[in-house]
Amino acid sequence: MHNMSSLRKTAWTILSIFGLFIAMIFLKSCAIQPNTWEPPQKPAFENSLALNQALTESSAISLLGWYGAEDFAVDKQGNVYCGVHAKPNDFSQGAILKVTPTGDVEEYMQTEGWVTGMEFDREGNLIALQNGVGLIKIDQQKQIHQLATHTPEGAPILMGTGLQIAADGTIYFANMSSEDVSSARTFSKLILEMKPKGGVYAYRPAEKRLTTISEGHYFANGLALSADESFLLLSETTKYRVLKIWLSGSEQGQSEVFMDNLAGFPNNISRRANGNFWIGFTTKRNDQLDKIHSKRGMKRFVFGLPRFVQPKAEKFGMVLEVSEKGQIIDALFDPEGEVVSEAGAVEEIADYLYLGGDVVSYVSKYPLK
């Protein structure tokens, strides 16, 4: 009888734990109300997208125990700067690192949160986007000044990205979300929700004025100015596409698809001296994710699962060079992600490509031939 009683207690304990687990999944799944979407059939890695091992020639620059070089800025002496965060799933504490031309790395300064976009202005100030804060200016004494914390419509700029400075000093950037700050859970939410919460904005320092360029974007991420500054390119990561947003001419303020049905998740974009663009990718597309995008209930269930059983992004290095017409000029890969596990950030600096990623503990430096 004693054994039977112990078995019953054990069974009830297991059932209670299982019931609690199911209840937690249900509660978490209620946190999102996702839209459905039918992704197009993904392109094969052939022809202009034929896989190669080019990115395996990269060398690694340690981030001193930090993670997440999401963008790069270069000063007049050729030093490279990047924003980083404390741990793969901790974006709350951050720093800005400085990499010298000889490859030495030092901590330039600490920040209250992850810095996700940056560029030096003509006065030598570092203009940046800080997670949970918005648009900031870091002067040469390393003092932080807030420039814009809310959109013109009053929504907080919580996940700014893709900062670009035009010749006249206008600062362009995107805001991914006004509801959440960066976290692994937030990224999953944005991917699964498939809602147009992002926008693109312009800040004019002389007037201290922020204006809206375009809104209603899906996971608004990387941003790049064309050589003549007539348009911006914006990556909509979860839609696997890049948009063109006109800044001048008869189509000013309008957007159109620049590249569609890409083979991966487009992230940051940067412009080459010849007018072409580099597009960095977080990873390649996931068949399981594409299949559940049309199933609202399944997306809610997946979001409710504990992080350790949710689908993980594959290690996959991918960078495209494309023309101003959206034609693929070159494709660089590390298919196994052994050297470049993520190439979400991409910047050409002194005959090298600097590559980073949201949860990567190093910067890859790829020599351009």
Protein backbone atom coordinates (compact mmCIF):
# COMPACT_ATOMS: atom_id res chain seq x y z
CA MET A 1 0.00 0.00 0.00
CA HIS A 2 2.86 2.31 0.85
CA ASN A 3 4.33 1.84 -2.64
CA MET A 4 0.94 2.56 -4.25
CA SER A 5 0.61 5.77 -2.21
CA SER A 6 4.09 6.89 -3.28
CA LEU A 7 3.28 6.16 -6.91
CA ARG A 8 0.07 8.20 -6.67
CA LYS A 9 1.97 11.15 -5.13
CA THR A 10 4.62 10.92 -7.83
CA ALA A 11 1.96 10.77 -10.54
CA TRP A 12 0.11 13.77 -9.11
CA THR A 13 3.39 15.70 -8.84
CA ILE A 14 4.23 14.98 -12.48
CA LEU A 15 0.70 15.90 -13.58
CA SER A 16 0.84 19.12 -11.55
CA ILE A 17 4.16 20.11 -13.08
CA PHE A 18 2.87 19.26 -16.56
CA GLY A 19 -0.32 21.24 -15.92
CA LEU A 20 1.69 24.22 -14.72
CA PHE A 21 3.91 23.97 -17.81
CA ILE A 22 0.85 23.96 -20.11
CA ALA A 23 -0.68 26.88 -18.20
CA MET A 24 2.53 28.90 -18.58
CA ILE A 25 2.60 28.21 -22.32
CA PHE A 26 -1.04 29.30 -22.60
CA LEU A 27 -0.48 32.52 -20.65
CA LYS A 28 2.61 33.45 -22.65
CA SER A 29 0.90 32.63 -25.94
CA CYS A 30 -1.84 35.14 -25.09
CA ALA A 31 0.76 37.91 -25.06
CA ILE A 32 0.70 38.22 -28.86
CA GLN A 33 -2.06 38.56 -31.45
CA PRO A 34 -0.12 37.74 -34.62
CA ASN A 35 -1.10 38.49 -38.18
CA THR A 36 -1.02 35.67 -40.70
CA TRP A 37 1.18 35.82 -43.77
CA GLU A 38 1.96 33.52 -46.70
CA PRO A 39 5.67 33.85 -47.49
CA PRO A 40 6.68 33.29 -51.13
CA GLN A 41 8.67 30.18 -52.02
CA LYS A 42 12.22 30.95 -50.97
CA PRO A 43 14.89 31.20 -53.70
CA ALA A 44 17.47 28.46 -54.11
CA PHE A 45 21.14 29.04 -53.45
CA GLU A 46 22.14 28.89 -57.13
CA ASN A 47 23.30 31.16 -59.97
CA SER A 48 24.02 34.58 -58.41
CA LEU A 49 23.31 33.04 -54.99
CA ALA A 50 25.54 30.00 -55.42
CA LEU A 51 27.11 29.11 -52.08
CA ASN A 52 30.83 29.66 -51.55
CA GLN A 53 33.32 29.75 -48.69
CA ALA A 54 34.44 33.36 -49.16
CA LEU A 55 33.68 34.60 -45.64
CA THR A 56 35.72 31.80 -44.06
CA GLU A 57 38.78 33.90 -44.98
CA SER A 58 37.77 36.39 -42.28
CA SER A 59 39.72 36.99 -39.09
CA ALA A 60 38.09 37.57 -35.70
CA ILE A 61 38.37 40.60 -33.43
CA SER A 62 37.36 39.87 -29.83
CA LEU A 63 34.77 42.11 -28.17
CA LEU A 64 36.42 41.75 -24.74
CA GLY A 65 33.62 39.58 -23.39
CA TRP A 66 30.84 41.79 -24.79
CA TYR A 67 28.34 40.86 -27.52
CA GLY A 68 26.40 42.36 -30.39
CA ALA A 69 28.33 44.72 -32.68
CA GLU A 70 25.23 45.84 -34.63
CA ASP A 71 26.75 48.84 -36.45
CA PHE A 72 30.10 50.52 -37.00
CA ALA A 73 31.40 54.09 -37.10
CA VAL A 74 34.83 55.33 -38.20
CA ASP A 75 36.63 58.44 -36.90
CA LYS A 76 39.10 60.60 -38.84
CA GLN A 77 42.05 58.55 -37.55
CA GLY A 78 40.59 55.31 -38.92
CA ASN A 79 39.50 53.89 -35.56
CA VAL A 80 36.36 51.73 -35.72
CA TYR A 81 33.66 51.95 -33.05
CA CYS A 82 30.78 49.59 -32.26
CA GLY A 83 28.08 49.28 -29.61
CA VAL A 84 27.88 46.09 -27.53
CA HIS A 85 25.79 44.54 -24.75
CA ALA A 86 26.60 42.39 -21.72
CA LYS A 87 25.34 38.90 -22.58
CA PRO A 88 23.58 37.13 -25.49
CA ASN A 89 20.20 37.67 -23.81
CA ASP A 90 21.03 40.78 -21.75
CA PHE A 91 20.70 44.02 -23.71
CA SER A 92 20.27 46.27 -20.67
CA GLN A 93 23.92 47.13 -20.00
CA GLY A 94 26.13 48.29 -22.86
CA ALA A 95 29.38 49.85 -23.95
CA ILE A 96 31.05 51.34 -26.99
CA LEU A 97 34.29 49.68 -28.05
CA LYS A 98 37.11 51.23 -30.09
CA VAL A 99 39.17 49.15 -32.53
CA THR A 100 42.40 50.71 -33.77
CA PRO A 101 43.67 50.21 -37.35
CA THR A 102 46.21 47.75 -35.93
CA GLY A 103 43.45 45.66 -34.36
CA ASP A 104 43.80 46.68 -30.70
CA VAL A 105 40.47 46.82 -28.85
CA GLU A 106 39.61 49.03 -25.91
CA GLU A 107 36.48 50.02 -24.03
CA TYR A 108 35.76 53.58 -25.16
CA MET A 109 32.90 54.14 -22.71
CA GLN A 110 30.04 52.36 -20.98
CA THR A 111 26.39 53.10 -21.72
CA GLU A 112 23.12 52.43 -19.91
CA GLY A 113 21.88 50.30 -22.82
CA TRP A 114 22.87 48.74 -26.13
CA VAL A 115 23.88 51.24 -28.84
CA THR A 116 22.56 49.94 -32.15
CA GLY A 117 23.40 52.61 -34.72
CA MET A 118 26.16 55.19 -34.91
CA GLU A 119 28.02 57.62 -37.14
CA PHE A 120 30.33 60.58 -36.58
CA ASP A 121 29.06 64.00 -37.59
CA ARG A 122 31.30 66.65 -39.16
CA GLU A 123 32.13 68.13 -35.72
CA GLY A 124 33.41 64.78 -34.44
CA ASN A 125 30.41 63.98 -32.24
CA LEU A 126 29.25 60.38 -32.24
CA ILE A 127 25.57 60.38 -33.18
CA ALA A 128 23.95 57.16 -31.99
CA LEU A 129 20.77 55.24 -31.16
CA GLN A 130 20.51 53.82 -27.66
CA ASN A 131 18.16 50.99 -26.81
CA GLY A 132 15.27 52.25 -24.68
CA VAL A 133 16.33 55.91 -25.01
CA GLY A 134 16.31 57.06 -28.62
CA LEU A 135 18.60 59.35 -30.62
CA ILE A 136 21.63 60.65 -28.69
CA LYS A 137 24.81 62.65 -29.26
CA ILE A 138 28.07 61.67 -27.56
CA ASP A 139 30.45 64.64 -27.61
CA GLN A 140 34.24 64.41 -27.60
CA GLN A 141 34.25 64.58 -23.79
CA LYS A 142 32.08 61.44 -23.80
CA GLN A 143 29.06 63.32 -22.47
CA ILE A 144 25.68 61.99 -23.66
CA HIS A 145 23.01 64.41 -24.90
CA GLN A 146 19.50 63.24 -25.78
CA LEU A 147 18.33 64.54 -29.15
CA ALA A 148 15.02 62.74 -29.69
CA THR A 149 13.26 60.27 -27.41
CA HIS A 150 9.82 60.20 -29.08
CA THR A 151 8.47 60.21 -32.61
CA PRO A 152 6.58 63.30 -33.85
CA GLU A 153 3.41 61.34 -33.04
CA GLY A 154 4.52 60.95 -29.42
CA ALA A 155 5.52 57.28 -29.42
CA PRO A 156 8.76 56.39 -27.60
CA ILE A 157 11.80 55.48 -29.73
CA LEU A 158 12.68 52.23 -27.97
CA MET A 159 14.45 50.21 -30.68
CA GLY A 160 16.19 52.66 -33.00
CA THR A 161 18.40 51.29 -35.76
CA GLY A 162 20.06 52.05 -39.11
CA LEU A 163 21.44 55.53 -38.46
CA GLN A 164 22.65 57.58 -41.45
CA ILE A 165 23.86 61.21 -41.70
CA ALA A 166 23.31 63.13 -44.93
CA ALA A 167 25.68 65.74 -46.38
CA ASP A 168 23.57 68.58 -44.94
CA GLY A 169 23.71 67.04 -41.45
CA THR A 170 20.22 65.51 -41.47
CA ILE A 171 20.14 62.34 -39.38
CA TYR A 172 17.99 59.49 -40.71
CA PHE A 173 17.11 56.45 -38.65
CA ALA A 174 14.49 53.74 -38.22
CA ASN A 175 12.53 52.76 -35.12
CA MET A 176 11.69 49.08 -34.89
CA SER A 177 9.26 49.32 -31.99
CA SER A 178 7.65 51.82 -29.62
CA GLU A 179 6.29 49.07 -27.38
CA ASP A 180 9.31 47.02 -26.30
CA VAL A 181 13.05 47.34 -25.80
CA SER A 182 15.51 44.86 -27.31
CA SER A 183 15.45 41.35 -25.86
CA ALA A 184 15.39 37.81 -27.21
CA ARG A 185 11.67 37.67 -26.40
CA THR A 186 10.99 40.98 -28.19
CA PHE A 187 12.75 39.79 -31.34
CA SER A 188 10.64 36.60 -31.32
CA LYS A 189 7.51 38.67 -30.79
CA LEU A 190 8.25 40.99 -33.72
CA ILE A 191 9.08 38.07 -36.02
CA LEU A 192 5.93 36.11 -35.18
CA GLU A 193 3.51 39.04 -34.89
CA MET A 194 4.22 40.30 -38.41
CA LYS A 195 2.80 43.76 -37.69
CA PRO A 196 3.84 47.05 -39.33
CA LYS A 197 5.03 48.86 -36.20
CA GLY A 198 8.21 50.43 -37.57
CA GLY A 199 8.94 53.85 -38.99
CA VAL A 200 11.67 55.99 -40.55
CA TYR A 201 12.47 59.48 -39.26
CA ALA A 202 14.69 62.49 -39.94
CA TYR A 203 16.26 64.72 -37.29
CA ARG A 204 17.59 68.13 -38.32
CA PRO A 205 20.12 69.30 -35.71
CA ALA A 206 20.05 72.99 -36.71
CA GLU A 207 16.30 73.09 -36.09
CA LYS A 208 16.28 70.45 -33.33
CA ARG A 209 13.28 69.00 -35.13
CA LEU A 210 12.22 65.41 -35.82
CA THR A 211 9.97 64.62 -38.78
CA THR A 212 8.38 61.40 -40.02
CA ILE A 213 9.60 60.09 -43.37
CA SER A 214 7.62 56.85 -43.56
CA GLU A 215 5.66 54.58 -41.23
CA GLY A 216 3.93 51.20 -41.24
CA HIS A 217 7.01 49.00 -41.73
CA TYR A 218 7.62 45.39 -40.73
CA PHE A 219 10.66 44.98 -38.44
CA ALA A 220 12.21 48.23 -39.78
CA ASN A 221 15.91 47.52 -39.50
CA GLY A 222 18.88 48.49 -41.69
CA LEU A 223 18.96 51.86 -43.43
CA ALA A 224 21.25 53.32 -46.12
CA LEU A 225 21.36 56.53 -48.17
CA SER A 226 21.89 56.43 -51.93
CA ALA A 227 24.97 58.18 -53.33
CA ASP A 228 22.92 61.15 -54.57
CA GLU A 229 20.77 61.06 -51.39
CA SER A 230 17.58 60.85 -53.45
CA PHE A 231 16.39 57.73 -51.63
CA LEU A 232 16.84 55.51 -48.59
CA LEU A 233 16.97 51.73 -48.53
CA LEU A 234 15.20 50.08 -45.60
CA SER A 235 15.38 46.39 -44.74
CA GLU A 236 12.12 44.85 -43.55
CA THR A 237 13.72 41.85 -41.91
CA THR A 238 10.67 39.66 -41.30
CA LYS A 239 9.30 40.27 -44.81
CA TYR A 240 12.61 39.14 -46.40
CA ARG A 241 12.75 42.33 -48.43
CA VAL A 242 14.33 45.76 -48.86
CA LEU A 243 12.29 48.87 -49.62
CA LYS A 244 13.25 52.06 -51.45
CA ILE A 245 11.92 55.25 -49.83
CA TRP A 246 12.12 58.37 -52.00
CA LEU A 247 13.46 61.53 -50.35
CA SER A 248 13.15 63.88 -53.35
CA GLY A 249 11.47 64.22 -56.73
CA SER A 250 7.87 63.64 -57.70
CA GLU A 251 7.75 60.41 -55.65
CA GLN A 252 9.05 62.00 -52.43
CA GLY A 253 7.69 60.21 -49.36
CA GLN A 254 6.60 57.17 -51.34
CA SER A 255 8.11 53.70 -51.00
CA GLU A 256 8.48 50.77 -53.34
CA VAL A 257 9.99 47.30 -53.17
CA PHE A 258 13.71 47.36 -54.01
CA MET A 259 14.44 43.64 -53.49
CA ASP A 260 11.88 40.99 -52.57
CA ASN A 261 11.80 37.33 -51.51
CA LEU A 262 15.38 37.32 -50.25
CA ALA A 263 17.04 34.09 -49.16
CA GLY A 264 17.61 35.27 -45.60
CA PHE A 265 16.77 37.84 -42.95
CA PRO A 266 18.18 41.18 -44.22
CA ASN A 267 19.62 43.33 -41.47
CA ASN A 268 21.99 46.28 -41.85
CA ILE A 269 22.76 47.99 -45.16
CA SER A 270 25.74 50.18 -46.04
CA ARG A 271 26.83 51.97 -49.20
CA ARG A 272 30.07 51.41 -51.09
CA ALA A 273 32.12 54.23 -52.60
CA ASN A 274 31.00 53.09 -56.08
CA GLY A 275 27.32 53.56 -55.16
CA ASN A 276 26.52 49.88 -54.69
CA PHE A 277 25.22 48.54 -51.38
CA TRP A 278 26.27 45.84 -48.95
CA ILE A 279 23.36 43.97 -47.33
CA GLY A 280 24.16 41.94 -44.24
CA PHE A 281 21.98 39.00 -43.19
CA THR A 282 21.27 37.68 -39.71
CA THR A 283 20.79 34.15 -41.03
CA LYS A 284 19.12 32.24 -43.85
CA ARG A 285 15.40 31.56 -43.95
CA ASN A 286 13.84 28.82 -41.84
CA ASP A 287 11.40 26.41 -43.49
CA GLN A 288 9.53 25.77 -40.22
CA LEU A 289 9.01 29.47 -39.62
CA ASP A 290 7.77 30.02 -43.18
CA LYS A 291 5.25 27.20 -42.71
CA ILE A 292 3.71 28.53 -39.49
CA HIS A 293 3.38 32.15 -40.69
CA SER A 294 -0.06 31.34 -42.11
CA LYS A 295 -1.20 29.70 -38.84
CA ARG A 296 -2.08 32.21 -36.13
CA GLY A 297 -2.64 29.61 -33.41
CA MET A 298 0.64 27.84 -34.10
CA LYS A 299 2.55 31.12 -33.91
CA ARG A 300 1.02 31.88 -30.53
CA PHE A 301 1.90 28.37 -29.32
CA VAL A 302 5.53 28.72 -30.46
CA PHE A 303 5.82 32.10 -28.75
CA GLY A 304 4.52 30.54 -25.53
CA LEU A 305 7.18 27.81 -25.51
CA PRO A 306 10.23 28.23 -23.26
CA ARG A 307 13.16 29.82 -25.04
CA PHE A 308 15.27 26.64 -24.89
CA VAL A 309 12.78 24.67 -27.04
CA GLN A 310 11.95 27.45 -29.51
CA PRO A 311 13.55 27.20 -32.98
CA LYS A 312 17.04 28.73 -33.03
CA ALA A 313 18.58 30.84 -35.77
CA GLU A 314 21.10 28.78 -37.74
CA LYS A 315 24.70 29.92 -37.88
CA PHE A 316 25.02 31.15 -41.43
CA GLY A 317 27.22 33.95 -42.81
CA MET A 318 25.73 35.81 -45.78
CA VAL A 319 26.46 39.20 -47.37
CA LEU A 320 25.26 40.53 -50.72
CA GLU A 321 26.62 43.36 -52.83
CA VAL A 322 23.81 44.86 -54.91
CA SER A 323 23.58 47.68 -57.43
CA GLU A 324 21.38 50.78 -57.17
CA LYS A 325 18.91 48.83 -59.33
CA GLY A 326 18.76 45.91 -56.90
CA GLN A 327 20.85 43.53 -59.03
CA ILE A 328 23.10 41.09 -57.16
CA ILE A 329 26.74 41.90 -57.99
CA ASP A 330 28.42 39.52 -55.55
CA ALA A 331 27.46 37.06 -52.83
CA LEU A 332 29.72 36.09 -49.92
CA PHE A 333 28.98 33.12 -47.65
CA ASP A 334 30.08 31.03 -44.73
CA PRO A 335 27.44 28.28 -45.13
CA GLU A 336 28.32 26.45 -41.91
CA GLY A 337 28.79 29.62 -39.87
CA GLU A 338 32.13 28.32 -38.60
CA VAL A 339 34.00 31.63 -38.97
CA VAL A 340 31.20 34.14 -39.59
CA SER A 341 28.17 32.83 -37.70
CA GLU A 342 26.15 36.00 -38.33
CA ALA A 343 26.67 38.99 -40.63
CA GLY A 344 23.83 41.27 -39.64
CA ALA A 345 26.13 44.29 -39.46
CA VAL A 346 28.26 45.15 -42.48
CA GLU A 347 30.57 48.10 -43.16
CA GLU A 348 33.39 48.54 -45.68
CA ILE A 349 36.43 50.16 -44.06
CA ALA A 350 39.87 50.47 -45.69
CA ASP A 351 39.57 47.45 -48.04
CA TYR A 352 37.95 45.24 -45.40
CA LEU A 353 34.40 44.29 -44.56
CA TYR A 354 33.65 44.53 -40.85
CA LEU A 355 30.88 42.11 -39.92
CA GLY A 356 28.97 41.83 -36.66
CA GLY A 357 25.83 40.29 -35.22
CA ASP A 358 23.29 40.83 -32.46
CA VAL A 359 24.51 37.95 -30.26
CA VAL A 360 28.07 37.41 -31.54
CA SER A 361 31.07 37.92 -29.23
CA TYR A 362 33.44 39.06 -31.98
CA VAL A 363 33.71 41.15 -35.13
CA SER A 364 34.71 39.44 -38.37
CA LYS A 365 37.15 41.26 -40.64
CA TYR A 366 36.96 40.09 -44.25
CA PRO A 367 39.66 41.20 -46.76
CA LEU A 368 38.20 42.53 -50.00
CA LYS A 369 40.13 41.49 -53.07
